[in-house]
């Protein structure tokens, strides 16, 4: 496992902060705890993939959270 391809290697706390920051940057005034808890398995599954695997899925690492929460953010 390469450190540059798995961002959750620093611990679960940093992944939680990443999700919180994602919602804060969107300007959503909500507590993402329930959303994060419900979708954490999918987020971790995608974070564990290599950049090449994500690219084959049509995703970049920065697109994981928008992808996982896409149903909440569509207009």
Foldseek 3Di string as FASTA:
>chain_A
DDCVQAVCPVDPVVVLVVLVVVCVVVVDPDDCPVVCVVQVVVLNVVSPDGQVVQVVVVHGNVCSNCVSCVVVPDD
